Amino acid sequence: MHAYSISSMSELLRHHIRKVTSLTEEELAAVLSRFSRRSYRKHQSLIQVGQPVLHVYFVASGLLKLVYADEAGRQHLLSFAMEDWWESDFQAYFTRRPATLSLTCLEDTVVYCLTLDDYQALCHEVPGMALFFLQKANTGYISAQQRLLSLFTTQAAQRYQQLLDSYPTLGQRVSKTQLAAYLGVSRETLSRLSK
């Protein structure tokens, strides 16, 4: 994990927001006051299946994985979330239902947490944040569709290369088993592709 101070961590969130929308210093202060900062250790869970999902998370440092476990106990790795990304079980978060996904740290991780009540208040009180969250949601929708299309239309070698091109450091931060699960291939297939 990178050695950031608390003030530089909040500066990351401030900079992240300013890349999308222009807010006054007063608005930014109001926005940041709605977030809580939490640190987690590698292997700790932020979200567990069946539990309430109280937060959406902005990753200041570290790496998370979002997983769905089917009835047969097979784990399906839906996404990785690294620095400057947002993650949660969004369905459970926005509907206030129990989690169907789990969110776990792959590294020591620092996140900024936002409750749904605070999310809604920010959208109402700071119009620039409604635009910010809309753009983040749209980016997420596009990424999800691209990933599905990639799974349906490209060979494993192409998906692996696309992943490396898009996220060059990810291969050094996660195990081959997790990369294989994310790409929808066996560990053995990924070993052949990575040679």
C-alpha atoms as a PDB file:
ATOM      1  CA  MET A   1       0.000   0.000   0.000  1.00  0.00           C
ATOM      2  CA  HIS A   2       1.211   3.499  -0.772  1.00  0.00           C
ATOM      3  CA  ALA A   3       2.229   5.675   2.179  1.00  0.00           C
ATOM      4  CA  TYR A   4      -0.202   8.579   1.930  1.00  0.00           C
ATOM      5  CA  SER A   5      -1.120  10.887   4.769  1.00  0.00           C
ATOM      6  CA  ILE A   6      -4.768  11.418   5.667  1.00  0.00           C
ATOM      7  CA  SER A   7      -4.691  14.922   4.155  1.00  0.00           C
ATOM      8  CA  SER A   8      -3.224  13.659   0.875  1.00  0.00           C
ATOM      9  CA  MET A   9      -5.847  10.882   0.807  1.00  0.00           C
ATOM     10  CA  SER A  10      -8.651  13.444   1.047  1.00  0.00           C
ATOM     11  CA  GLU A  11      -6.820  15.433  -1.627  1.00  0.00           C
ATOM     12  CA  LEU A  12      -7.143  12.380  -3.908  1.00  0.00           C
ATOM     13  CA  LEU A  13     -10.920  12.417  -3.495  1.00  0.00           C
ATOM     14  CA  ARG A  14     -11.016  16.191  -3.986  1.00  0.00           C
ATOM     15  CA  HIS A  15      -8.965  15.890  -7.203  1.00  0.00           C
ATOM     16  CA  HIS A  16     -11.092  12.958  -8.389  1.00  0.00           C
ATOM     17  CA  ILE A  17     -14.279  15.034  -8.059  1.00  0.00           C
ATOM     18  CA  ARG A  18     -12.724  18.097  -9.678  1.00  0.00           C
ATOM     19  CA  LYS A  19     -11.836  16.065 -12.789  1.00  0.00           C
ATOM     20  CA  VAL A  20     -15.570  15.828 -13.483  1.00  0.00           C
ATOM     21  CA  THR A  21     -17.239  18.890 -11.997  1.00  0.00           C
ATOM     22  CA  SER A  22     -16.285  22.349 -10.783  1.00  0.00           C
ATOM     23  CA  LEU A  23     -17.225  22.938  -7.171  1.00  0.00           C
ATOM     24  CA  THR A  24     -16.488  25.869  -4.915  1.00  0.00           C
ATOM     25  CA  GLU A  25     -14.254  25.299  -1.900  1.00  0.00           C
ATOM     26  CA  GLU A  26     -17.352  25.516   0.308  1.00  0.00           C
ATOM     27  CA  GLU A  27     -19.145  22.905  -1.773  1.00  0.00           C
ATOM     28  CA  LEU A  28     -16.092  20.632  -1.734  1.00  0.00           C
ATOM     29  CA  ALA A  29     -15.828  20.966   2.035  1.00  0.00           C
ATOM     30  CA  ALA A  30     -19.516  20.043   2.351  1.00  0.00           C
ATOM     31  CA  VAL A  31     -19.007  17.052   0.044  1.00  0.00           C
ATOM     32  CA  LEU A  32     -15.944  15.749   1.877  1.00  0.00           C
ATOM     33  CA  SER A  33     -17.709  16.095   5.227  1.00  0.00           C
ATOM     34  CA  ARG A  34     -20.239  13.468   4.083  1.00  0.00           C
ATOM     35  CA  PHE A  35     -17.550  10.816   3.574  1.00  0.00           C
ATOM     36  CA  SER A  36     -15.919   8.679   6.247  1.00  0.00           C
ATOM     37  CA  ARG A  37     -12.420   7.274   5.820  1.00  0.00           C
ATOM     38  CA  ARG A  38     -11.744   3.628   6.673  1.00  0.00           C
ATOM     39  CA  SER A  39      -8.722   1.356   6.479  1.00  0.00           C
ATOM     40  CA  TYR A  40      -8.922  -2.383   5.863  1.00  0.00           C
ATOM     41  CA  ARG A  41      -6.334  -5.153   5.866  1.00  0.00           C
ATOM     42  CA  LYS A  42      -5.718  -7.650   3.095  1.00  0.00           C
ATOM     43  CA  HIS A  43      -8.449 -10.350   3.093  1.00  0.00           C
ATOM     44  CA  GLN A  44     -10.869  -8.208   5.150  1.00  0.00           C
ATOM     45  CA  SER A  45     -14.431  -7.927   3.831  1.00  0.00           C
ATOM     46  CA  LEU A  46     -16.200  -4.643   3.258  1.00  0.00           C
ATOM     47  CA  ILE A  47     -19.404  -6.335   2.080  1.00  0.00           C
ATOM     48  CA  GLN A  48     -20.638  -9.807   2.985  1.00  0.00           C
ATOM     49  CA  VAL A  49     -23.494 -11.701   1.321  1.00  0.00           C
ATOM     50  CA  GLY A  50     -26.750 -11.364   3.243  1.00  0.00           C
ATOM     51  CA  GLN A  51     -25.641  -8.265   5.159  1.00  0.00           C
ATOM     52  CA  PRO A  52     -26.881  -4.706   4.600  1.00  0.00           C
ATOM     53  CA  VAL A  53     -24.800  -2.643   2.163  1.00  0.00           C
ATOM     54  CA  LEU A  54     -24.384   0.658   3.935  1.00  0.00           C
ATOM     55  CA  HIS A  55     -21.798   2.331   1.703  1.00  0.00           C
ATOM     56  CA  VAL A  56     -20.441   2.952  -1.736  1.00  0.00           C
ATOM     57  CA  TYR A  57     -16.633   3.043  -1.606  1.00  0.00           C
ATOM     58  CA  PHE A  58     -14.085   5.296  -3.289  1.00  0.00           C
ATOM     59  CA  VAL A  59     -10.710   3.524  -3.283  1.00  0.00           C
ATOM     60  CA  ALA A  60      -7.957   5.895  -2.154  1.00  0.00           C
ATOM     61  CA  SER A  61      -5.317   3.153  -2.041  1.00  0.00           C
ATOM     62  CA  GLY A  62      -5.292  -0.599  -2.321  1.00  0.00           C
ATOM     63  CA  LEU A  63      -7.230  -3.160  -4.329  1.00  0.00           C
ATOM     64  CA  LEU A  64     -10.638  -4.825  -3.929  1.00  0.00           C
ATOM     65  CA  LYS A  65     -12.456  -7.685  -5.648  1.00  0.00           C
ATOM     66  CA  LEU A  66     -16.221  -7.997  -6.108  1.00  0.00           C
ATOM     67  CA  VAL A  67     -17.429 -11.612  -6.191  1.00  0.00           C
ATOM     68  CA  TYR A  68     -20.673 -13.489  -6.729  1.00  0.00           C
ATOM     69  CA  ALA A  69     -20.927 -17.026  -5.340  1.00  0.00           C
ATOM     70  CA  ASP A  70     -23.518 -19.187  -7.103  1.00  0.00           C
ATOM     71  CA  GLU A  71     -25.632 -21.926  -5.513  1.00  0.00           C
ATOM     72  CA  ALA A  72     -22.999 -24.545  -6.368  1.00  0.00           C
ATOM     73  CA  GLY A  73     -20.402 -22.529  -4.474  1.00  0.00           C
ATOM     74  CA  ARG A  74     -18.520 -21.395  -7.581  1.00  0.00           C
ATOM     75  CA  GLN A  75     -17.113 -17.900  -7.246  1.00  0.00           C
ATOM     76  CA  HIS A  76     -17.488 -15.471 -10.142  1.00  0.00           C
ATOM     77  CA  LEU A  77     -15.142 -12.503 -10.026  1.00  0.00           C
ATOM     78  CA  LEU A  78     -17.121  -9.528 -11.326  1.00  0.00           C
ATOM     79  CA  SER A  79     -14.584  -6.759 -10.950  1.00  0.00           C
ATOM     80  CA  PHE A  80     -11.427  -5.414  -9.431  1.00  0.00           C
ATOM     81  CA  ALA A  81     -11.409  -1.920  -7.938  1.00  0.00           C
ATOM     82  CA  MET A  82      -8.137  -0.087  -7.520  1.00  0.00           C
ATOM     83  CA  GLU A  83      -7.128   3.474  -6.751  1.00  0.00           C
ATOM     84  CA  ASP A  84      -9.482   6.153  -8.079  1.00  0.00           C
ATOM     85  CA  TRP A  85     -12.354   3.667  -8.568  1.00  0.00           C
ATOM     86  CA  TRP A  86     -15.774   3.315  -6.963  1.00  0.00           C
ATOM     87  CA  GLU A  87     -17.189  -0.033  -5.877  1.00  0.00           C
ATOM     88  CA  SER A  88     -20.114  -1.577  -4.003  1.00  0.00           C
ATOM     89  CA  ASP A  89     -22.901  -4.086  -4.416  1.00  0.00           C
ATOM     90  CA  PHE A  90     -24.819  -1.328  -6.173  1.00  0.00           C
ATOM     91  CA  GLN A  91     -28.119  -3.198  -6.399  1.00  0.00           C
ATOM     92  CA  ALA A  92     -28.156  -3.805  -2.653  1.00  0.00           C
ATOM     93  CA  TYR A  93     -26.887  -0.295  -1.896  1.00  0.00           C
ATOM     94  CA  PHE A  94     -29.521   1.545  -3.937  1.00  0.00           C
ATOM     95  CA  THR A  95     -32.435  -0.760  -3.020  1.00  0.00           C
ATOM     96  CA  ARG A  96     -31.427  -1.118   0.658  1.00  0.00           C
ATOM     97  CA  ARG A  97     -31.595  -4.904   0.350  1.00  0.00           C
ATOM     98  CA  PRO A  98     -29.107  -7.468   1.680  1.00  0.00           C
ATOM     99  CA  ALA A  99     -25.945  -8.011  -0.332  1.00  0.00           C
ATOM    100  CA  THR A 100     -25.805 -10.700  -3.005  1.00  0.00           C
ATOM    101  CA  LEU A 101     -22.129  -9.934  -3.690  1.00  0.00           C
ATOM    102  CA  SER A 102     -19.043  -9.843  -1.500  1.00  0.00           C
ATOM    103  CA  LEU A 103     -16.349  -7.169  -1.563  1.00  0.00           C
ATOM    104  CA  THR A 104     -12.940  -8.158  -0.208  1.00  0.00           C
ATOM    105  CA  CYS A 105      -9.501  -6.558   0.028  1.00  0.00           C
ATOM    106  CA  LEU A 106      -6.734  -8.056  -2.072  1.00  0.00           C
ATOM    107  CA  GLU A 107      -4.282  -5.604  -0.472  1.00  0.00           C
ATOM    108  CA  ASP A 108      -4.322  -3.330   2.544  1.00  0.00           C
ATOM    109  CA  THR A 109      -6.843  -0.725   1.422  1.00  0.00           C
ATOM    110  CA  VAL A 110      -8.048   2.751   2.351  1.00  0.00           C
ATOM    111  CA  VAL A 111     -11.499   3.811   1.176  1.00  0.00           C
ATOM    112  CA  TYR A 112     -13.820   6.764   1.511  1.00  0.00           C
ATOM    113  CA  CYS A 113     -17.333   5.585   2.384  1.00  0.00           C
ATOM    114  CA  LEU A 114     -20.619   7.274   1.503  1.00  0.00           C
ATOM    115  CA  THR A 115     -24.023   6.225   2.830  1.00  0.00           C
ATOM    116  CA  LEU A 116     -27.056   6.276   0.557  1.00  0.00           C
ATOM    117  CA  ASP A 117     -28.648   9.042   2.640  1.00  0.00           C
ATOM    118  CA  ASP A 118     -25.513  11.170   2.220  1.00  0.00           C
ATOM    119  CA  TYR A 119     -25.325  10.298  -1.487  1.00  0.00           C
ATOM    120  CA  GLN A 120     -28.901  11.480  -1.981  1.00  0.00           C
ATOM    121  CA  ALA A 121     -28.350  14.594   0.125  1.00  0.00           C
ATOM    122  CA  LEU A 122     -25.274  15.526  -1.925  1.00  0.00           C
ATOM    123  CA  CYS A 123     -27.203  15.120  -5.182  1.00  0.00           C
ATOM    124  CA  HIS A 124     -29.921  17.406  -3.815  1.00  0.00           C
ATOM    125  CA  GLU A 125     -27.738  20.003  -2.091  1.00  0.00           C
ATOM    126  CA  VAL A 126     -24.771  20.204  -4.509  1.00  0.00           C
ATOM    127  CA  PRO A 127     -25.990  20.049  -8.133  1.00  0.00           C
ATOM    128  CA  GLY A 128     -22.448  19.458  -9.387  1.00  0.00           C
ATOM    129  CA  MET A 129     -22.369  16.195  -7.447  1.00  0.00           C
ATOM    130  CA  ALA A 130     -25.503  14.937  -9.201  1.00  0.00           C
ATOM    131  CA  LEU A 131     -23.628  15.472 -12.476  1.00  0.00           C
ATOM    132  CA  PHE A 132     -20.531  13.796 -11.009  1.00  0.00           C
ATOM    133  CA  PHE A 133     -22.423  10.670  -9.883  1.00  0.00           C
ATOM    134  CA  LEU A 134     -24.291  10.512 -13.206  1.00  0.00           C
ATOM    135  CA  GLN A 135     -21.029  10.547 -15.135  1.00  0.00           C
ATOM    136  CA  LYS A 136     -19.520   7.875 -12.854  1.00  0.00           C
ATOM    137  CA  ALA A 137     -22.627   5.697 -13.312  1.00  0.00           C
ATOM    138  CA  ASN A 138     -22.535   6.136 -17.095  1.00  0.00           C
ATOM    139  CA  THR A 139     -18.853   5.194 -17.186  1.00  0.00           C
ATOM    140  CA  GLY A 140     -19.691   2.093 -15.146  1.00  0.00           C
ATOM    141  CA  TYR A 141     -22.529   1.107 -17.499  1.00  0.00           C
ATOM    142  CA  ILE A 142     -20.253   1.458 -20.518  1.00  0.00           C
ATOM    143  CA  SER A 143     -17.504  -0.609 -18.881  1.00  0.00           C
ATOM    144  CA  ALA A 144     -19.951  -3.344 -17.896  1.00  0.00           C
ATOM    145  CA  GLN A 145     -21.310  -3.559 -21.442  1.00  0.00           C
ATOM    146  CA  GLN A 146     -17.816  -3.634 -22.928  1.00  0.00           C
ATOM    147  CA  ARG A 147     -16.833  -6.436 -20.563  1.00  0.00           C
ATOM    148  CA  LEU A 148     -19.915  -8.491 -21.479  1.00  0.00           C
ATOM    149  CA  LEU A 149     -19.317  -7.962 -25.190  1.00  0.00           C
ATOM    150  CA  SER A 150     -15.699  -8.961 -24.736  1.00  0.00           C
ATOM    151  CA  LEU A 151     -16.735 -12.185 -22.961  1.00  0.00           C
ATOM    152  CA  PHE A 152     -19.209 -12.992 -25.761  1.00  0.00           C
ATOM    153  CA  THR A 153     -17.173 -12.000 -28.807  1.00  0.00           C
ATOM    154  CA  THR A 154     -13.434 -12.297 -28.174  1.00  0.00           C
ATOM    155  CA  GLN A 155     -11.070 -15.169 -27.582  1.00  0.00           C
ATOM    156  CA  ALA A 156      -9.362 -15.597 -24.207  1.00  0.00           C
ATOM    157  CA  ALA A 157      -6.029 -14.355 -25.590  1.00  0.00           C
ATOM    158  CA  GLN A 158      -7.643 -11.108 -26.755  1.00  0.00           C
ATOM    159  CA  ARG A 159      -9.401 -10.592 -23.409  1.00  0.00           C
ATOM    160  CA  TYR A 160      -6.128 -11.148 -21.570  1.00  0.00           C
ATOM    161  CA  GLN A 161      -4.281  -8.676 -23.774  1.00  0.00           C
ATOM    162  CA  GLN A 162      -7.084  -6.100 -23.425  1.00  0.00           C
ATOM    163  CA  LEU A 163      -6.864  -6.423 -19.646  1.00  0.00           C
ATOM    164  CA  LEU A 164      -3.091  -5.956 -19.658  1.00  0.00           C
ATOM    165  CA  ASP A 165      -3.360  -2.979 -22.016  1.00  0.00           C
ATOM    166  CA  SER A 166      -6.080  -1.309 -19.935  1.00  0.00           C
ATOM    167  CA  TYR A 167      -4.604  -2.075 -16.500  1.00  0.00           C
ATOM    168  CA  PRO A 168      -0.880  -2.795 -16.895  1.00  0.00           C
ATOM    169  CA  THR A 169      -0.155  -3.122 -13.156  1.00  0.00           C
ATOM    170  CA  LEU A 170      -3.067  -5.442 -12.363  1.00  0.00           C
ATOM    171  CA  GLY A 171      -1.166  -8.581 -13.400  1.00  0.00           C
ATOM    172  CA  GLN A 172       1.462  -7.846 -10.751  1.00  0.00           C
ATOM    173  CA  ARG A 173      -1.122  -7.150  -8.039  1.00  0.00           C
ATOM    174  CA  VAL A 174      -3.415 -10.187  -8.314  1.00  0.00           C
ATOM    175  CA  SER A 175      -2.847 -13.909  -8.609  1.00  0.00           C
ATOM    176  CA  LYS A 176      -3.134 -15.782 -11.895  1.00  0.00           C
ATOM    177  CA  THR A 177      -6.081 -17.671 -10.409  1.00  0.00           C
ATOM    178  CA  GLN A 178      -7.972 -14.420  -9.836  1.00  0.00           C
ATOM    179  CA  LEU A 179      -7.085 -13.083 -13.271  1.00  0.00           C
ATOM    180  CA  ALA A 180      -8.319 -16.334 -14.811  1.00  0.00           C
ATOM    181  CA  ALA A 181     -11.594 -16.097 -12.878  1.00  0.00           C
ATOM    182  CA  TYR A 182     -12.090 -12.527 -14.052  1.00  0.00           C
ATOM    183  CA  LEU A 183     -11.385 -13.463 -17.678  1.00  0.00           C
ATOM    184  CA  GLY A 184     -13.644 -16.524 -17.541  1.00  0.00           C
ATOM    185  CA  VAL A 185     -10.879 -19.030 -18.301  1.00  0.00           C
ATOM    186  CA  SER A 186      -9.137 -21.795 -16.402  1.00  0.00           C
ATOM    187  CA  ARG A 187      -5.888 -21.205 -14.529  1.00  0.00           C
ATOM    188  CA  GLU A 188      -4.160 -23.522 -16.997  1.00  0.00           C
ATOM    189  CA  THR A 189      -5.439 -21.543 -19.997  1.00  0.00           C
ATOM    190  CA  LEU A 190      -4.187 -18.309 -18.483  1.00  0.00           C
ATOM    191  CA  SER A 191      -0.776 -19.887 -17.849  1.00  0.00           C
ATOM    192  CA  ARG A 192      -0.549 -20.740 -21.561  1.00  0.00           C
ATOM    193  CA  LEU A 193      -1.640 -17.226 -22.555  1.00  0.00           C
ATOM    194  CA  SER A 194       0.850 -15.496 -20.288  1.00  0.00           C
ATOM    195  CA  LYS A 195       3.901 -17.302 -21.683  1.00  0.00           C
END
